[in-house]
Structures are given as C-alpha cells and as structure tokens.
Amino acid sequence: MDKKRLQFDFTQEAIDELDHLKEKTGLPTRAELIRHALRFFQWAYDETANHKATLLLEKNDRLREVIFPFWAAGRTETTASEIDEGSKQTKSDEAAYFKAQSAG
C-alpha cells in the first residue's frame, strides 16, 4: 500500500488528549491512534448511515439513545414525522438486535 504523509496542527490540549488516549489504549504511536480513530469513525458512520442517532445497550440492559449531531450536515433533510415513524421501527429492531447480541 502506498503511504502519503499528512501534517496536522493541534492545540496543546488536543495533543495531551491524544497522548492520554494513546496511553490508555496501549497503542504505540499517535499515528496508530489516529488510524484506529479513523476506522472507528468510519464504522460508526456506516452503522448509523440512515439515522442521526442509534441505540446503545448498557451492561445493565438499559437502552440509551446516542446522538451524532455533527453528522447531520452531510445528510438529507427528513421531516419530524418521518424520523418519528422510522425511529419507532429502528428502536424496536435495534433493541432486539442488541438484546440478542448481549445474550450470546
């Protein structure tokens, strides 16, 4: 695979956060942390591509809606009733999926 070099400007606070996450995750370099973050971001975006939120099943079996408002810019507009109707089915489907995953 061909590699290309990129350079980013970060505030000291952002660098401190990168270093803190690097230590917590045990990743060897900042570059590796950013590669993992990019993969995670792509996965999360793909998993929630039709919605601005998804459900998260916590260890205590409580469902919590996770909102990604910063993804709204690249999405098409949807009416409130379309979101409401879609989210009713989605929440039911996702709740069943997450319960099945946690049971297995």
N, C-alpha and C. Protein backbone atom coordinates (compact mmCIF):
# COMPACT_ATOMS: atom_id res chain seq x y z
N MET A 1 0.84 -1.17 0.00
CA MET A 1 0.00 0.00 0.00
C MET A 1 0.89 1.24 0.00
N ASP A 2 0.54 2.16 -0.85
CA ASP A 2 1.28 3.42 -0.93
C ASP A 2 0.94 4.31 0.27
N LYS A 3 1.94 4.85 0.95
CA LYS A 3 1.70 5.74 2.07
C LYS A 3 1.96 7.17 1.66
N LYS A 4 1.18 8.07 2.20
CA LYS A 4 1.36 9.51 1.98
C LYS A 4 1.47 10.16 3.34
N ARG A 5 2.27 11.20 3.44
CA ARG A 5 2.46 11.90 4.70
C ARG A 5 1.48 13.05 4.80
N LEU A 6 0.82 13.16 5.96
CA LEU A 6 -0.07 14.28 6.27
C LEU A 6 0.47 14.98 7.50
N GLN A 7 0.23 16.26 7.57
CA GLN A 7 0.65 17.02 8.74
C GLN A 7 -0.57 17.74 9.29
N PHE A 8 -0.76 17.67 10.61
CA PHE A 8 -1.88 18.30 11.28
C PHE A 8 -1.37 19.31 12.29
N ASP A 9 -2.13 20.37 12.49
CA ASP A 9 -1.85 21.33 13.55
C ASP A 9 -2.84 21.07 14.69
N PHE A 10 -2.32 20.78 15.87
CA PHE A 10 -3.14 20.52 17.05
C PHE A 10 -2.80 21.52 18.15
N THR A 11 -3.80 21.85 18.95
CA THR A 11 -3.54 22.65 20.15
C THR A 11 -2.83 21.75 21.15
N GLN A 12 -2.21 22.34 22.15
CA GLN A 12 -1.56 21.54 23.19
C GLN A 12 -2.57 20.66 23.90
N GLU A 13 -3.78 21.18 24.10
CA GLU A 13 -4.83 20.40 24.75
C GLU A 13 -5.16 19.15 23.92
N ALA A 14 -5.26 19.29 22.61
CA ALA A 14 -5.56 18.15 21.74
C ALA A 14 -4.41 17.14 21.76
N ILE A 15 -3.18 17.62 21.77
CA ILE A 15 -2.02 16.72 21.85
C ILE A 15 -2.04 15.96 23.17
N ASP A 16 -2.37 16.65 24.25
CA ASP A 16 -2.46 15.99 25.56
C ASP A 16 -3.54 14.91 25.53
N GLU A 17 -4.68 15.20 24.89
CA GLU A 17 -5.75 14.21 24.77
C GLU A 17 -5.28 13.00 23.95
N LEU A 18 -4.60 13.26 22.84
CA LEU A 18 -4.06 12.17 22.02
C LEU A 18 -3.12 11.29 22.84
N ASP A 19 -2.20 11.92 23.55
CA ASP A 19 -1.24 11.17 24.36
C ASP A 19 -1.93 10.38 25.46
N HIS A 20 -2.95 10.97 26.08
CA HIS A 20 -3.70 10.29 27.13
C HIS A 20 -4.40 9.05 26.55
N LEU A 21 -5.07 9.20 25.40
CA LEU A 21 -5.73 8.07 24.76
C LEU A 21 -4.73 7.02 24.30
N LYS A 22 -3.59 7.46 23.82
CA LYS A 22 -2.54 6.54 23.38
C LYS A 22 -2.10 5.67 24.55
N GLU A 23 -1.91 6.29 25.70
CA GLU A 23 -1.50 5.54 26.90
C GLU A 23 -2.61 4.59 27.36
N LYS A 24 -3.86 5.09 27.40
CA LYS A 24 -4.98 4.26 27.86
C LYS A 24 -5.21 3.06 26.96
N THR A 25 -5.02 3.22 25.66
CA THR A 25 -5.28 2.13 24.72
C THR A 25 -4.07 1.24 24.50
N GLY A 26 -2.90 1.71 24.90
CA GLY A 26 -1.69 0.92 24.69
C GLY A 26 -1.18 0.96 23.25
N LEU A 27 -1.71 1.88 22.46
CA LEU A 27 -1.23 1.99 21.08
C LEU A 27 0.15 2.63 21.08
N PRO A 28 1.02 2.21 20.17
CA PRO A 28 2.42 2.63 20.23
C PRO A 28 2.69 4.08 19.79
N THR A 29 1.85 4.61 18.90
CA THR A 29 2.13 5.95 18.37
C THR A 29 0.84 6.76 18.22
N ARG A 30 0.99 8.06 18.10
CA ARG A 30 -0.15 8.93 17.81
C ARG A 30 -0.75 8.58 16.46
N ALA A 31 0.10 8.28 15.49
CA ALA A 31 -0.38 7.92 14.16
C ALA A 31 -1.27 6.68 14.22
N GLU A 32 -0.85 5.69 14.99
CA GLU A 32 -1.65 4.48 15.12
C GLU A 32 -2.98 4.79 15.80
N LEU A 33 -2.98 5.64 16.80
CA LEU A 33 -4.22 6.06 17.46
C LEU A 33 -5.15 6.74 16.46
N ILE A 34 -4.62 7.61 15.64
CA ILE A 34 -5.45 8.31 14.65
C ILE A 34 -5.98 7.32 13.60
N ARG A 35 -5.18 6.34 13.21
CA ARG A 35 -5.66 5.32 12.26
C ARG A 35 -6.82 4.53 12.86
N HIS A 36 -6.70 4.16 14.14
CA HIS A 36 -7.79 3.45 14.82
C HIS A 36 -9.02 4.33 14.93
N ALA A 37 -8.82 5.59 15.27
CA ALA A 37 -9.95 6.52 15.39
C ALA A 37 -10.66 6.68 14.05
N LEU A 38 -9.91 6.74 12.97
CA LEU A 38 -10.50 6.85 11.65
C LEU A 38 -11.33 5.61 11.31
N ARG A 39 -10.78 4.43 11.61
CA ARG A 39 -11.53 3.19 11.37
C ARG A 39 -12.81 3.15 12.21
N PHE A 40 -12.71 3.56 13.48
CA PHE A 40 -13.89 3.57 14.35
C PHE A 40 -14.92 4.56 13.82
N PHE A 41 -14.50 5.73 13.41
CA PHE A 41 -15.40 6.75 12.90
C PHE A 41 -16.11 6.22 11.64
N GLN A 42 -15.37 5.58 10.75
CA GLN A 42 -15.97 5.04 9.53
C GLN A 42 -17.00 3.97 9.87
N TRP A 43 -16.66 3.08 10.81
CA TRP A 43 -17.58 2.03 11.23
C TRP A 43 -18.84 2.65 11.83
N ALA A 44 -18.69 3.59 12.75
CA ALA A 44 -19.85 4.21 13.39
C ALA A 44 -20.72 4.93 12.38
N TYR A 45 -20.09 5.61 11.44
CA TYR A 45 -20.85 6.32 10.41
C TYR A 45 -21.62 5.31 9.55
N ASP A 46 -20.97 4.25 9.12
CA ASP A 46 -21.63 3.24 8.29
C ASP A 46 -22.80 2.60 9.04
N GLU A 47 -22.61 2.34 10.33
CA GLU A 47 -23.65 1.68 11.13
C GLU A 47 -24.86 2.58 11.36
N THR A 48 -24.68 3.89 11.30
CA THR A 48 -25.77 4.82 11.57
C THR A 48 -26.10 5.67 10.35
N ALA A 49 -25.77 5.18 9.15
CA ALA A 49 -25.87 5.97 7.92
C ALA A 49 -27.25 6.55 7.66
N ASN A 50 -28.31 5.90 8.06
CA ASN A 50 -29.65 6.40 7.77
C ASN A 50 -30.28 7.15 8.93
N HIS A 51 -29.54 7.33 10.00
CA HIS A 51 -30.10 7.95 11.20
C HIS A 51 -29.09 8.93 11.78
N LYS A 52 -29.61 9.84 12.57
CA LYS A 52 -28.72 10.76 13.28
C LYS A 52 -28.47 10.26 14.70
N ALA A 53 -29.02 9.09 15.01
CA ALA A 53 -28.84 8.51 16.35
C ALA A 53 -28.92 6.99 16.23
N THR A 54 -28.47 6.34 17.24
CA THR A 54 -28.60 4.89 17.32
C THR A 54 -28.82 4.53 18.78
N LEU A 55 -29.09 3.28 19.06
CA LEU A 55 -29.31 2.85 20.43
C LEU A 55 -28.08 2.12 20.94
N LEU A 56 -27.85 2.28 22.21
CA LEU A 56 -26.74 1.62 22.88
C LEU A 56 -27.31 0.82 24.03
N LEU A 57 -26.96 -0.45 24.11
CA LEU A 57 -27.40 -1.29 25.21
C LEU A 57 -26.29 -1.29 26.26
N GLU A 58 -26.63 -0.80 27.45
CA GLU A 58 -25.66 -0.77 28.51
C GLU A 58 -25.62 -2.12 29.22
N LYS A 59 -24.61 -2.33 30.04
CA LYS A 59 -24.44 -3.62 30.74
C LYS A 59 -25.64 -3.95 31.63
N ASN A 60 -26.33 -2.94 32.12
CA ASN A 60 -27.49 -3.17 32.99
C ASN A 60 -28.78 -3.34 32.19
N ASP A 61 -28.67 -3.60 30.87
CA ASP A 61 -29.79 -3.80 29.96
C ASP A 61 -30.64 -2.56 29.72
N ARG A 62 -30.15 -1.40 30.13
CA ARG A 62 -30.86 -0.14 29.82
C ARG A 62 -30.48 0.27 28.40
N LEU A 63 -31.46 0.77 27.66
CA LEU A 63 -31.21 1.29 26.32
C LEU A 63 -31.00 2.79 26.43
N ARG A 64 -30.04 3.28 25.68
CA ARG A 64 -29.75 4.71 25.68
C ARG A 64 -29.56 5.14 24.24
N GLU A 65 -30.19 6.25 23.86
CA GLU A 65 -30.03 6.77 22.51
C GLU A 65 -28.76 7.61 22.46
N VAL A 66 -27.94 7.35 21.46
CA VAL A 66 -26.71 8.10 21.26
C VAL A 66 -26.90 8.98 20.04
N ILE A 67 -26.73 10.28 20.18
CA ILE A 67 -26.98 11.24 19.11
C ILE A 67 -25.65 11.67 18.50
N PHE A 68 -25.61 11.75 17.18
CA PHE A 68 -24.44 12.22 16.45
C PHE A 68 -24.81 13.48 15.67
N PRO A 69 -24.98 14.63 16.33
CA PRO A 69 -25.46 15.82 15.64
C PRO A 69 -24.49 16.35 14.58
N PHE A 70 -23.21 16.10 14.72
CA PHE A 70 -22.24 16.62 13.77
C PHE A 70 -22.29 15.89 12.44
N TRP A 71 -23.05 14.77 12.34
CA TRP A 71 -23.19 14.07 11.08
C TRP A 71 -24.36 14.60 10.27
N ALA A 72 -25.17 15.46 10.84
CA ALA A 72 -26.38 15.94 10.17
C ALA A 72 -26.06 16.73 8.91
N ALA A 73 -24.92 17.40 8.86
CA ALA A 73 -24.59 18.27 7.73
C ALA A 73 -24.55 17.53 6.40
N GLY A 74 -24.09 16.31 6.38
CA GLY A 74 -23.97 15.56 5.14
C GLY A 74 -25.18 14.72 4.80
N ARG A 75 -26.23 14.85 5.57
CA ARG A 75 -27.41 14.02 5.38
C ARG A 75 -28.54 14.82 4.74
N THR A 76 -29.46 14.12 4.10
CA THR A 76 -30.62 14.80 3.52
C THR A 76 -31.61 15.14 4.62
N GLU A 77 -32.41 16.16 4.38
CA GLU A 77 -33.40 16.59 5.35
C GLU A 77 -34.53 15.56 5.43
N THR A 78 -35.03 15.33 6.61
CA THR A 78 -36.14 14.43 6.84
C THR A 78 -37.15 15.13 7.73
N THR A 79 -38.43 14.91 7.50
CA THR A 79 -39.44 15.55 8.32
C THR A 79 -39.47 14.90 9.70
N ALA A 80 -40.02 15.62 10.66
CA ALA A 80 -40.10 15.10 12.02
C ALA A 80 -40.96 13.83 12.07
N SER A 81 -42.04 13.79 11.30
CA SER A 81 -42.89 12.59 11.33
C SER A 81 -42.18 11.40 10.71
N GLU A 82 -41.36 11.62 9.66
CA GLU A 82 -40.59 10.52 9.07
C GLU A 82 -39.58 9.99 10.06
N ILE A 83 -38.93 10.89 10.78
CA ILE A 83 -37.96 10.47 11.80
C ILE A 83 -38.67 9.69 12.89
N ASP A 84 -39.82 10.20 13.36
CA ASP A 84 -40.57 9.54 14.42
C ASP A 84 -41.01 8.15 14.00
N GLU A 85 -41.59 8.02 12.81
CA GLU A 85 -42.03 6.71 12.32
C GLU A 85 -40.86 5.77 12.13
N GLY A 86 -39.79 6.27 11.52
CA GLY A 86 -38.61 5.45 11.30
C GLY A 86 -37.94 5.04 12.60
N SER A 87 -37.91 5.95 13.56
CA SER A 87 -37.21 5.64 14.80
C SER A 87 -37.98 4.63 15.64
N LYS A 88 -39.31 4.62 15.52
CA LYS A 88 -40.08 3.61 16.26
C LYS A 88 -39.67 2.22 15.81
N GLN A 89 -39.61 2.00 14.50
CA GLN A 89 -39.22 0.70 13.97
C GLN A 89 -37.75 0.42 14.26
N THR A 90 -36.90 1.42 14.04
CA THR A 90 -35.47 1.25 14.26
C THR A 90 -35.17 0.91 15.71
N LYS A 91 -35.80 1.63 16.64
CA LYS A 91 -35.55 1.36 18.06
C LYS A 91 -35.96 -0.05 18.42
N SER A 92 -37.09 -0.50 17.88
CA SER A 92 -37.55 -1.85 18.15
C SER A 92 -36.57 -2.87 17.57
N ASP A 93 -36.16 -2.66 16.31
CA ASP A 93 -35.21 -3.57 15.67
C ASP A 93 -33.88 -3.58 16.39
N GLU A 94 -33.36 -2.41 16.72
CA GLU A 94 -32.05 -2.32 17.37
C GLU A 94 -32.10 -2.89 18.78
N ALA A 95 -33.19 -2.64 19.50
CA ALA A 95 -33.30 -3.19 20.85
C ALA A 95 -33.26 -4.71 20.81
N ALA A 96 -33.99 -5.29 19.86
CA ALA A 96 -33.99 -6.75 19.73
C ALA A 96 -32.60 -7.26 19.35
N TYR A 97 -31.95 -6.55 18.43
CA TYR A 97 -30.60 -6.96 18.00
C TYR A 97 -29.63 -6.92 19.17
N PHE A 98 -29.60 -5.80 19.90
CA PHE A 98 -28.65 -5.67 21.00
C PHE A 98 -28.93 -6.66 22.12
N LYS A 99 -30.18 -6.93 22.39
CA LYS A 99 -30.50 -7.92 23.42
C LYS A 99 -30.02 -9.31 22.99
N ALA A 100 -30.23 -9.62 21.72
CA ALA A 100 -29.77 -10.92 21.21
C ALA A 100 -28.25 -11.02 21.26
N GLN A 101 -27.55 -9.91 20.93
CA GLN A 101 -26.08 -9.91 20.95
C GLN A 101 -25.57 -10.07 22.37
N SER A 102 -26.23 -9.41 23.32
CA SER A 102 -25.72 -9.49 24.70
C SER A 102 -26.01 -10.84 25.33
N ALA A 103 -27.04 -11.52 24.83
CA ALA A 103 -27.38 -12.84 25.37
C ALA A 103 -26.43 -13.92 24.84
N GLY A 104 -25.83 -13.65 23.64
CA GLY A 104 -25.00 -14.67 23.01
C GLY A 104 -23.57 -14.63 23.38
